[in-house]
C-alpha cells in the first residue's frame, strides 16, 4: 500500500463508529481498580475471577458513555445506543490508531513514488488470499490420513 492509501485507510478507520462494549476489551488493559479480592488462586497462579471481569467491563463501558456525553469522546447517539469514533477513542487512550488492511493481512507501506511496486505486491497478495480461501478444507481430505492416497483396490486387499 502506498503512503497515500495508508492515510486514506487510517481516516476511514478513525471515522468508524463503534459501540462502547466493543471498545471495552481495549480499554480494560488500562483498568487500575483491581483489588486482591478480584483474584483467585488456580494451580498456584493468581487468576482474575469472572465476577470482577464482568464488573470492570460494565464500569468501563459506562465510563466511555459518560466521556462521550461529556464531549471528551466524539461519536453519535443512535437508536441502538452510543457509538464512539474509533479515532477519538484512540486519541483519548493516547495510542496511535491501529491501521489494518481491508483483508486484515499485514502490509508494507511504500512511498507514493513506488505505486507500481505497491500495486504489484497487492495483486500478488490478493492471488495468495484467493488461493487460501478457495483451497480444500479438511473435510475434503481423505479420512485415513495415514495412507491418504490409497486407492479402493489396495484398500480391499488390506
C-alpha atoms as a PDB file:
ATOM      1  CA  UNK A   1       0.000   0.000   0.000  1.00  0.00           C
ATOM      2  CA  UNK A   2       1.262   3.481  -0.732  1.00  0.00           C
ATOM      3  CA  UNK A   3       1.567   6.218   1.861  1.00  0.00           C
ATOM      4  CA  UNK A   4      -1.498   7.929   0.373  1.00  0.00           C
ATOM      5  CA  UNK A   5      -3.518   4.698   0.552  1.00  0.00           C
ATOM      6  CA  UNK A   6      -2.399   4.243   4.151  1.00  0.00           C
ATOM      7  CA  UNK A   7      -3.541   7.744   5.119  1.00  0.00           C
ATOM      8  CA  UNK A   8      -6.926   7.171   3.431  1.00  0.00           C
ATOM      9  CA  UNK A   9      -7.343   3.834   5.225  1.00  0.00           C
ATOM     10  CA  UNK A  10      -6.385   5.469   8.521  1.00  0.00           C
ATOM     11  CA  UNK A  11      -9.041   8.165   8.025  1.00  0.00           C
ATOM     12  CA  UNK A  12     -11.675   5.506   7.215  1.00  0.00           C
ATOM     13  CA  UNK A  13     -10.849   3.620  10.401  1.00  0.00           C
ATOM     14  CA  UNK A  14     -10.675   6.762  12.560  1.00  0.00           C
ATOM     15  CA  UNK A  15     -14.170   7.726  11.393  1.00  0.00           C
ATOM     16  CA  UNK A  16     -15.606   4.289  12.155  1.00  0.00           C
ATOM     17  CA  UNK A  17     -18.287   4.419  14.858  1.00  0.00           C
ATOM     18  CA  UNK A  18     -18.019   1.633  17.405  1.00  0.00           C
ATOM     19  CA  UNK A  19     -20.373   0.637  20.252  1.00  0.00           C
ATOM     20  CA  UNK A  20     -18.678   1.114  23.648  1.00  0.00           C
ATOM     21  CA  UNK A  21     -18.901  -2.592  24.541  1.00  0.00           C
ATOM     22  CA  UNK A  22     -16.570  -3.337  21.612  1.00  0.00           C
ATOM     23  CA  UNK A  23     -14.001  -0.848  22.931  1.00  0.00           C
ATOM     24  CA  UNK A  24     -14.030  -2.290  26.450  1.00  0.00           C
ATOM     25  CA  UNK A  25     -11.574  -5.082  25.600  1.00  0.00           C
ATOM     26  CA  UNK A  26      -9.023  -2.477  24.533  1.00  0.00           C
ATOM     27  CA  UNK A  27      -9.639  -0.077  27.417  1.00  0.00           C
ATOM     28  CA  UNK A  28      -9.619  -2.803  30.081  1.00  0.00           C
ATOM     29  CA  UNK A  29      -5.854  -3.185  29.645  1.00  0.00           C
ATOM     30  CA  UNK A  30      -5.554   0.149  31.478  1.00  0.00           C
ATOM     31  CA  UNK A  31      -8.046  -0.705  34.224  1.00  0.00           C
ATOM     32  CA  UNK A  32      -6.336   0.071  37.540  1.00  0.00           C
ATOM     33  CA  UNK A  33      -9.053  -0.642  40.093  1.00  0.00           C
ATOM     34  CA  UNK A  34      -8.427  -4.360  40.625  1.00  0.00           C
ATOM     35  CA  UNK A  35      -8.265  -5.466  44.258  1.00  0.00           C
ATOM     36  CA  UNK A  36      -6.874  -8.614  45.865  1.00  0.00           C
ATOM     37  CA  UNK A  37     -10.472  -9.839  46.241  1.00  0.00           C
ATOM     38  CA  UNK A  38     -10.796  -9.827  42.430  1.00  0.00           C
ATOM     39  CA  UNK A  39      -8.336 -12.706  42.144  1.00  0.00           C
ATOM     40  CA  UNK A  40      -8.487 -16.402  42.938  1.00  0.00           C
ATOM     41  CA  UNK A  41      -5.719 -18.988  43.093  1.00  0.00           C
ATOM     42  CA  UNK A  42      -5.676 -21.523  40.277  1.00  0.00           C
ATOM     43  CA  UNK A  43      -2.874 -24.099  40.358  1.00  0.00           C
ATOM     44  CA  UNK A  44      -0.680 -21.638  42.212  1.00  0.00           C
ATOM     45  CA  UNK A  45      -1.337 -18.778  39.791  1.00  0.00           C
ATOM     46  CA  UNK A  46      -3.316 -15.642  40.546  1.00  0.00           C
ATOM     47  CA  UNK A  47      -6.320 -15.526  38.215  1.00  0.00           C
ATOM     48  CA  UNK A  48      -8.879 -12.774  37.839  1.00  0.00           C
ATOM     49  CA  UNK A  49     -12.344 -14.057  38.734  1.00  0.00           C
ATOM     50  CA  UNK A  50     -15.248 -13.775  36.306  1.00  0.00           C
ATOM     51  CA  UNK A  51     -17.340 -11.551  38.577  1.00  0.00           C
ATOM     52  CA  UNK A  52     -14.536  -8.963  38.770  1.00  0.00           C
ATOM     53  CA  UNK A  53     -14.031  -9.079  34.998  1.00  0.00           C
ATOM     54  CA  UNK A  54     -17.753  -8.527  34.366  1.00  0.00           C
ATOM     55  CA  UNK A  55     -17.858  -5.662  36.870  1.00  0.00           C
ATOM     56  CA  UNK A  56     -14.824  -3.968  35.320  1.00  0.00           C
ATOM     57  CA  UNK A  57     -16.262  -4.313  31.805  1.00  0.00           C
ATOM     58  CA  UNK A  58     -19.513  -2.683  32.940  1.00  0.00           C
ATOM     59  CA  UNK A  59     -17.642   0.145  34.674  1.00  0.00           C
ATOM     60  CA  UNK A  60     -15.507   0.835  31.610  1.00  0.00           C
ATOM     61  CA  UNK A  61     -18.488   0.770  29.262  1.00  0.00           C
ATOM     62  CA  UNK A  62     -20.306   3.292  31.467  1.00  0.00           C
ATOM     63  CA  UNK A  63     -17.177   5.450  31.679  1.00  0.00           C
ATOM     64  CA  UNK A  64     -16.888   5.508  27.876  1.00  0.00           C
ATOM     65  CA  UNK A  65     -20.535   6.546  27.555  1.00  0.00           C
ATOM     66  CA  UNK A  66     -20.018   9.302  30.146  1.00  0.00           C
ATOM     67  CA  UNK A  67     -16.913  10.522  28.293  1.00  0.00           C
ATOM     68  CA  UNK A  68     -18.997  10.668  25.108  1.00  0.00           C
ATOM     69  CA  UNK A  69     -21.840  12.530  26.826  1.00  0.00           C
ATOM     70  CA  UNK A  70     -19.309  14.950  28.362  1.00  0.00           C
ATOM     71  CA  UNK A  71     -17.766  15.691  24.965  1.00  0.00           C
ATOM     72  CA  UNK A  72     -14.376  14.087  25.591  1.00  0.00           C
ATOM     73  CA  UNK A  73     -15.100  11.308  23.097  1.00  0.00           C
ATOM     74  CA  UNK A  74     -16.703  12.031  19.737  1.00  0.00           C
ATOM     75  CA  UNK A  75     -19.377   9.868  18.202  1.00  0.00           C
ATOM     76  CA  UNK A  76     -23.120   9.590  17.727  1.00  0.00           C
ATOM     77  CA  UNK A  77     -26.089   8.755  19.894  1.00  0.00           C
ATOM     78  CA  UNK A  78     -28.166   6.423  17.722  1.00  0.00           C
ATOM     79  CA  UNK A  79     -31.375   4.492  18.280  1.00  0.00           C
ATOM     80  CA  UNK A  80     -29.180   1.477  19.036  1.00  0.00           C
ATOM     81  CA  UNK A  81     -27.228   3.496  21.616  1.00  0.00           C
ATOM     82  CA  UNK A  82     -23.989   5.434  21.765  1.00  0.00           C
ATOM     83  CA  UNK A  83     -21.344   4.776  19.106  1.00  0.00           C
ATOM     84  CA  UNK A  84     -17.872   6.237  19.614  1.00  0.00           C
ATOM     85  CA  UNK A  85     -15.464   7.348  16.903  1.00  0.00           C
ATOM     86  CA  UNK A  86     -12.520   4.936  16.855  1.00  0.00           C
ATOM     87  CA  UNK A  87     -10.120   7.827  16.233  1.00  0.00           C
ATOM     88  CA  UNK A  88     -11.481   9.767  19.196  1.00  0.00           C
ATOM     89  CA  UNK A  89     -11.152   6.677  21.393  1.00  0.00           C
ATOM     90  CA  UNK A  90      -7.501   6.081  20.459  1.00  0.00           C
ATOM     91  CA  UNK A  91      -6.709   9.776  20.888  1.00  0.00           C
ATOM     92  CA  UNK A  92      -8.176   9.560  24.405  1.00  0.00           C
ATOM     93  CA  UNK A  93      -6.079   6.448  25.105  1.00  0.00           C
ATOM     94  CA  UNK A  94      -3.007   8.313  23.875  1.00  0.00           C
ATOM     95  CA  UNK A  95      -2.190   5.489  21.471  1.00  0.00           C
ATOM     96  CA  UNK A  96      -1.791   5.512  17.707  1.00  0.00           C
ATOM     97  CA  UNK A  97      -4.783   4.307  15.738  1.00  0.00           C
ATOM     98  CA  UNK A  98      -4.064   0.756  14.557  1.00  0.00           C
ATOM     99  CA  UNK A  99      -4.429   0.598  10.791  1.00  0.00           C
ATOM    100  CA  UNK A 100      -5.048  -2.774   9.196  1.00  0.00           C
ATOM    101  CA  UNK A 101      -5.721  -3.676   5.608  1.00  0.00           C
ATOM    102  CA  UNK A 102      -9.266  -4.403   4.457  1.00  0.00           C
ATOM    103  CA  UNK A 103      -8.395  -8.108   4.336  1.00  0.00           C
ATOM    104  CA  UNK A 104      -6.854  -7.975   7.802  1.00  0.00           C
ATOM    105  CA  UNK A 105      -3.478  -9.106   6.465  1.00  0.00           C
ATOM    106  CA  UNK A 106      -0.167  -7.453   7.169  1.00  0.00           C
ATOM    107  CA  UNK A 107       1.033  -4.907   4.657  1.00  0.00           C
ATOM    108  CA  UNK A 108       4.031  -2.847   3.711  1.00  0.00           C
ATOM    109  CA  UNK A 109       3.872   0.914   3.129  1.00  0.00           C
ATOM    110  CA  UNK A 110       5.607   2.207   0.007  1.00  0.00           C
ATOM    111  CA  UNK A 111       6.284   5.834  -0.888  1.00  0.00           C
ATOM    112  CA  UNK A 112       3.762   7.154  -3.403  1.00  0.00           C
ATOM    113  CA  UNK A 113       6.594   7.251  -5.952  1.00  0.00           C
ATOM    114  CA  UNK A 114       6.651   3.416  -5.807  1.00  0.00           C
ATOM    115  CA  UNK A 115       2.940   2.972  -6.510  1.00  0.00           C
ATOM    116  CA  UNK A 116       3.567   0.378  -9.251  1.00  0.00           C
ATOM    117  CA  UNK A 117       5.585  -1.844  -6.921  1.00  0.00           C
ATOM    118  CA  UNK A 118       2.899  -1.498  -4.236  1.00  0.00           C
ATOM    119  CA  UNK A 119       0.186  -2.424  -6.762  1.00  0.00           C
ATOM    120  CA  UNK A 120       2.193  -5.446  -7.911  1.00  0.00           C
ATOM    121  CA  UNK A 121       2.562  -6.688  -4.338  1.00  0.00           C
ATOM    122  CA  UNK A 122      -1.155  -6.091  -3.697  1.00  0.00           C
ATOM    123  CA  UNK A 123      -2.051  -8.202  -6.763  1.00  0.00           C
ATOM    124  CA  UNK A 124       0.253 -10.983  -5.587  1.00  0.00           C
ATOM    125  CA  UNK A 125      -1.246 -10.843  -2.084  1.00  0.00           C
ATOM    126  CA  UNK A 126      -4.797 -10.984  -3.471  1.00  0.00           C
ATOM    127  CA  UNK A 127      -3.835 -14.038  -5.552  1.00  0.00           C
ATOM    128  CA  UNK A 128      -2.478 -15.803  -2.478  1.00  0.00           C
ATOM    129  CA  UNK A 129      -5.550 -14.827  -0.428  1.00  0.00           C
ATOM    130  CA  UNK A 130      -7.796 -16.221  -3.184  1.00  0.00           C
ATOM    131  CA  UNK A 131      -5.848 -19.498  -3.150  1.00  0.00           C
ATOM    132  CA  UNK A 132      -6.171 -19.746   0.609  1.00  0.00           C
ATOM    133  CA  UNK A 133      -9.897 -19.015   0.686  1.00  0.00           C
ATOM    134  CA  UNK A 134     -10.673 -21.460  -2.138  1.00  0.00           C
ATOM    135  CA  UNK A 135      -8.318 -24.254  -1.027  1.00  0.00           C
ATOM    136  CA  UNK A 136      -9.926 -27.531   0.012  1.00  0.00           C
ATOM    137  CA  UNK A 137     -10.896 -27.678   3.648  1.00  0.00           C
ATOM    138  CA  UNK A 138     -10.088 -30.516   5.997  1.00  0.00           C
ATOM    139  CA  UNK A 139     -13.421 -32.150   5.122  1.00  0.00           C
ATOM    140  CA  UNK A 140     -12.201 -32.500   1.533  1.00  0.00           C
ATOM    141  CA  UNK A 141      -9.215 -34.605   2.602  1.00  0.00           C
ATOM    142  CA  UNK A 142      -9.248 -38.420   2.807  1.00  0.00           C
ATOM    143  CA  UNK A 143     -10.293 -39.704   6.214  1.00  0.00           C
ATOM    144  CA  UNK A 144      -7.329 -42.081   6.511  1.00  0.00           C
ATOM    145  CA  UNK A 145      -4.561 -39.517   6.751  1.00  0.00           C
ATOM    146  CA  UNK A 146      -2.027 -42.272   7.494  1.00  0.00           C
ATOM    147  CA  UNK A 147      -2.405 -43.522   3.908  1.00  0.00           C
ATOM    148  CA  UNK A 148      -4.137 -40.658   2.179  1.00  0.00           C
ATOM    149  CA  UNK A 149      -3.552 -41.784  -1.412  1.00  0.00           C
ATOM    150  CA  UNK A 150      -4.545 -45.429  -1.099  1.00  0.00           C
ATOM    151  CA  UNK A 151      -6.999 -46.397  -3.827  1.00  0.00           C
ATOM    152  CA  UNK A 152     -10.033 -48.681  -3.451  1.00  0.00           C
ATOM    153  CA  UNK A 153      -8.218 -51.733  -4.880  1.00  0.00           C
ATOM    154  CA  UNK A 154      -5.406 -51.579  -2.345  1.00  0.00           C
ATOM    155  CA  UNK A 155      -7.933 -50.901   0.412  1.00  0.00           C
ATOM    156  CA  UNK A 156      -9.782 -54.132  -0.480  1.00  0.00           C
ATOM    157  CA  UNK A 157      -6.557 -56.136  -0.242  1.00  0.00           C
ATOM    158  CA  UNK A 158      -5.833 -54.845   3.239  1.00  0.00           C
END
